[in-house]
PDB file of N, CA and C in Angstrom:
ATOM      1  N   MET A   1      -0.749 -14.004 -28.122  1.00  0.00           N
ATOM      2  CA  MET A   1      -2.091 -13.766 -27.251  1.00  0.00           C
ATOM      3  C   MET A   1      -1.283 -13.763 -25.560  1.00  0.00           C
ATOM      4  N   VAL A   2      -1.996 -13.058 -24.786  1.00  0.00           N
ATOM      5  CA  VAL A   2      -1.334 -13.092 -23.533  1.00  0.00           C
ATOM      6  C   VAL A   2      -2.073 -13.870 -22.221  1.00  0.00           C
ATOM      7  N   THR A   3      -1.617 -14.484 -21.687  1.00  0.00           N
ATOM      8  CA  THR A   3      -2.468 -15.601 -20.951  1.00  0.00           C
ATOM      9  C   THR A   3      -2.600 -14.919 -19.350  1.00  0.00           C
ATOM     10  N   GLN A   4      -3.632 -15.132 -18.902  1.00  0.00           N
ATOM     11  CA  GLN A   4      -3.549 -14.329 -17.158  1.00  0.00           C
ATOM     12  C   GLN A   4      -2.632 -14.526 -16.574  1.00  0.00           C
ATOM     13  N   GLN A   5      -1.924 -15.950 -16.335  1.00  0.00           N
ATOM     14  CA  GLN A   5      -0.729 -16.251 -15.625  1.00  0.00           C
ATOM     15  C   GLN A   5       0.557 -15.443 -15.868  1.00  0.00           C
ATOM     16  N   HIS A   6       0.564 -14.583 -17.083  1.00  0.00           N
ATOM     17  CA  HIS A   6       1.432 -13.924 -17.255  1.00  0.00           C
ATOM     18  C   HIS A   6       1.357 -12.480 -17.628  1.00  0.00           C
ATOM     19  N   SER A   7       0.298 -11.625 -17.296  1.00  0.00           N
ATOM     20  CA  SER A   7      -0.370 -10.675 -17.461  1.00  0.00           C
ATOM     21  C   SER A   7      -0.238  -9.777 -15.816  1.00  0.00           C
ATOM     22  N   TYR A   8      -0.204  -8.500 -16.089  1.00  0.00           N
ATOM     23  CA  TYR A   8       0.111  -7.684 -14.813  1.00  0.00           C
ATOM     24  C   TYR A   8      -1.062  -6.539 -15.247  1.00  0.00           C
ATOM     25  N   ASP A   9      -1.463  -5.837 -14.286  1.00  0.00           N
ATOM     26  CA  ASP A   9      -2.113  -4.759 -14.258  1.00  0.00           C
ATOM     27  C   ASP A   9      -1.775  -3.661 -13.215  1.00  0.00           C
ATOM     28  N   PHE A  10      -2.204  -2.351 -13.086  1.00  0.00           N
ATOM     29  CA  PHE A  10      -1.601  -1.161 -12.439  1.00  0.00           C
ATOM     30  C   PHE A  10      -3.166  -0.717 -11.671  1.00  0.00           C
ATOM     31  N   ARG A  11      -3.037  -0.417 -10.725  1.00  0.00           N
ATOM     32  CA  ARG A  11      -3.773   0.310  -9.608  1.00  0.00           C
ATOM     33  C   ARG A  11      -3.497   1.424  -8.911  1.00  0.00           C
ATOM     34  N   PRO A  12      -4.414   2.374  -8.419  1.00  0.00           N
ATOM     35  CA  PRO A  12      -4.098   3.103  -7.720  1.00  0.00           C
ATOM     36  C   PRO A  12      -3.586   2.627  -6.179  1.00  0.00           C
ATOM     37  N   VAL A  13      -2.547   3.276  -5.676  1.00  0.00           N
ATOM     38  CA  VAL A  13      -1.945   3.251  -4.663  1.00  0.00           C
ATOM     39  C   VAL A  13      -2.861   3.283  -3.395  1.00  0.00           C
ATOM     40  N   THR A  14      -3.117   2.619  -2.349  1.00  0.00           N
ATOM     41  CA  THR A  14      -3.753   3.004  -1.118  1.00  0.00           C
ATOM     42  C   THR A  14      -3.087   3.180  -0.089  1.00  0.00           C
ATOM     43  N   GLU A  15      -3.761   3.233   1.102  1.00  0.00           N
ATOM     44  CA  GLU A  15      -3.141   3.399   2.367  1.00  0.00           C
ATOM     45  C   GLU A  15      -2.592   1.862   2.947  1.00  0.00           C
ATOM     46  N   LYS A  16      -3.320   0.903   2.393  1.00  0.00           N
ATOM     47  CA  LYS A  16      -3.066  -0.538   2.743  1.00  0.00           C
ATOM     48  C   LYS A  16      -1.234  -0.851   2.217  1.00  0.00           C
ATOM     49  N   ASP A  17      -1.012   0.035   1.234  1.00  0.00           N
ATOM     50  CA  ASP A  17       0.204  -0.340   0.482  1.00  0.00           C
ATOM     51  C   ASP A  17       1.424   0.695   0.896  1.00  0.00           C
ATOM     52  N   LEU A  18       0.904   1.548   2.023  1.00  0.00           N
ATOM     53  CA  LEU A  18       2.272   2.366   2.584  1.00  0.00           C
ATOM     54  C   LEU A  18       3.247   1.463   3.007  1.00  0.00           C
ATOM     55  N   ALA A  19       3.351   0.324   3.964  1.00  0.00           N
ATOM     56  CA  ALA A  19       3.965  -0.178   4.700  1.00  0.00           C
ATOM     57  C   ALA A  19       4.916  -0.947   3.792  1.00  0.00           C
ATOM     58  N   LEU A  20       4.219  -1.518   2.500  1.00  0.00           N
ATOM     59  CA  LEU A  20       5.090  -2.331   1.848  1.00  0.00           C
ATOM     60  C   LEU A  20       6.239  -1.434   0.829  1.00  0.00           C
ATOM     61  N   ILE A  21       5.355  -0.367   0.544  1.00  0.00           N
ATOM     62  CA  ILE A  21       6.461   0.541  -0.204  1.00  0.00           C
ATOM     63  C   ILE A  21       7.400   0.909   0.982  1.00  0.00           C
ATOM     64  N   ALA A  22       7.332   1.289   2.197  1.00  0.00           N
ATOM     65  CA  ALA A  22       8.176   2.031   3.156  1.00  0.00           C
ATOM     66  C   ALA A  22       9.216   0.930   3.086  1.00  0.00           C
ATOM     67  N   ARG A  23       8.921  -0.593   3.373  1.00  0.00           N
ATOM     68  CA  ARG A  23       9.875  -1.376   3.267  1.00  0.00           C
ATOM     69  C   ARG A  23      10.679  -1.578   2.149  1.00  0.00           C
ATOM     70  N   TRP A  24       9.904  -1.450   1.063  1.00  0.00           N
ATOM     71  CA  TRP A  24      10.722  -1.617  -0.256  1.00  0.00           C
ATOM     72  C   TRP A  24      12.084  -0.407  -0.143  1.00  0.00           C
ATOM     73  N   LEU A  25      11.488   0.652   0.216  1.00  0.00           N
ATOM     74  CA  LEU A  25      12.036   1.752  -0.131  1.00  0.00           C
ATOM     75  C   LEU A  25      13.562   1.856   1.119  1.00  0.00           C
ATOM     76  N   ARG A  26      13.212   0.915   1.879  1.00  0.00           N
ATOM     77  CA  ARG A  26      14.658   0.763   3.120  1.00  0.00           C
ATOM     78  C   ARG A  26      15.590  -0.293   2.332  1.00  0.00           C
ATOM     79  N   GLU A  27      15.409  -1.030   1.199  1.00  0.00           N
ATOM     80  CA  GLU A  27      16.303  -2.166   0.731  1.00  0.00           C
ATOM     81  C   GLU A  27      17.290  -1.559   0.090  1.00  0.00           C
ATOM     82  N   PRO A  28      18.615  -2.020   0.584  1.00  0.00           N
ATOM     83  CA  PRO A  28      19.386  -1.299   0.042  1.00  0.00           C
ATOM     84  C   PRO A  28      19.908  -1.081  -1.432  1.00  0.00           C
ATOM     85  N   HIS A  29      19.390  -1.830  -2.423  1.00  0.00           N
ATOM     86  CA  HIS A  29      19.509  -1.698  -3.943  1.00  0.00           C
ATOM     87  C   HIS A  29      18.611  -0.589  -4.133  1.00  0.00           C
ATOM     88  N   VAL A  30      17.525  -0.368  -3.167  1.00  0.00           N
ATOM     89  CA  VAL A  30      16.509   0.688  -4.084  1.00  0.00           C
ATOM     90  C   VAL A  30      16.857   1.991  -3.469  1.00  0.00           C
ATOM     91  N   ALA A  31      17.334   2.050  -1.880  1.00  0.00           N
ATOM     92  CA  ALA A  31      17.491   3.217  -1.052  1.00  0.00           C
ATOM     93  C   ALA A  31      18.743   3.924  -1.966  1.00  0.00           C
ATOM     94  N   GLU A  32      19.629   3.011  -2.719  1.00  0.00           N
ATOM     95  CA  GLU A  32      20.616   3.866  -3.698  1.00  0.00           C
ATOM     96  C   GLU A  32      20.457   4.783  -4.695  1.00  0.00           C
ATOM     97  N   TRP A  33      18.911   4.493  -5.227  1.00  0.00           N
ATOM     98  CA  TRP A  33      18.560   5.231  -6.448  1.00  0.00           C
ATOM     99  C   TRP A  33      17.652   6.129  -5.568  1.00  0.00           C
ATOM    100  N   TRP A  34      16.896   5.904  -4.622  1.00  0.00           N
ATOM    101  CA  TRP A  34      15.436   6.628  -4.180  1.00  0.00           C
ATOM    102  C   TRP A  34      15.406   7.354  -2.689  1.00  0.00           C
ATOM    103  N   ASP A  35      16.869   6.998  -2.233  1.00  0.00           N
ATOM    104  CA  ASP A  35      16.859   7.338  -0.494  1.00  0.00           C
ATOM    105  C   ASP A  35      16.795   8.860  -0.490  1.00  0.00           C
ATOM    106  N   ASP A  36      16.088   9.715   0.356  1.00  0.00           N
ATOM    107  CA  ASP A  36      15.844  10.993   0.226  1.00  0.00           C
ATOM    108  C   ASP A  36      16.146  11.462   1.714  1.00  0.00           C
ATOM    109  N   PRO A  37      17.568  12.130   2.014  1.00  0.00           N
ATOM    110  CA  PRO A  37      18.106  12.153   2.910  1.00  0.00           C
ATOM    111  C   PRO A  37      17.384  13.468   3.680  1.00  0.00           C
ATOM    112  N   ASP A  38      15.978  14.089   3.309  1.00  0.00           N
ATOM    113  CA  ASP A  38      15.288  15.109   3.926  1.00  0.00           C
ATOM    114  C   ASP A  38      14.367  14.191   4.555  1.00  0.00           C
TER     115      ASP A  38
END
């Protein structure tokens, strides 16, 4: 049985998420895989 404290869910990305995503994409360990030079 899964408890609430150990569960997660997915939701659509919103405009409010863009700054967080941009910051995440600048992390060196992420940019190594997802960096787009264009």
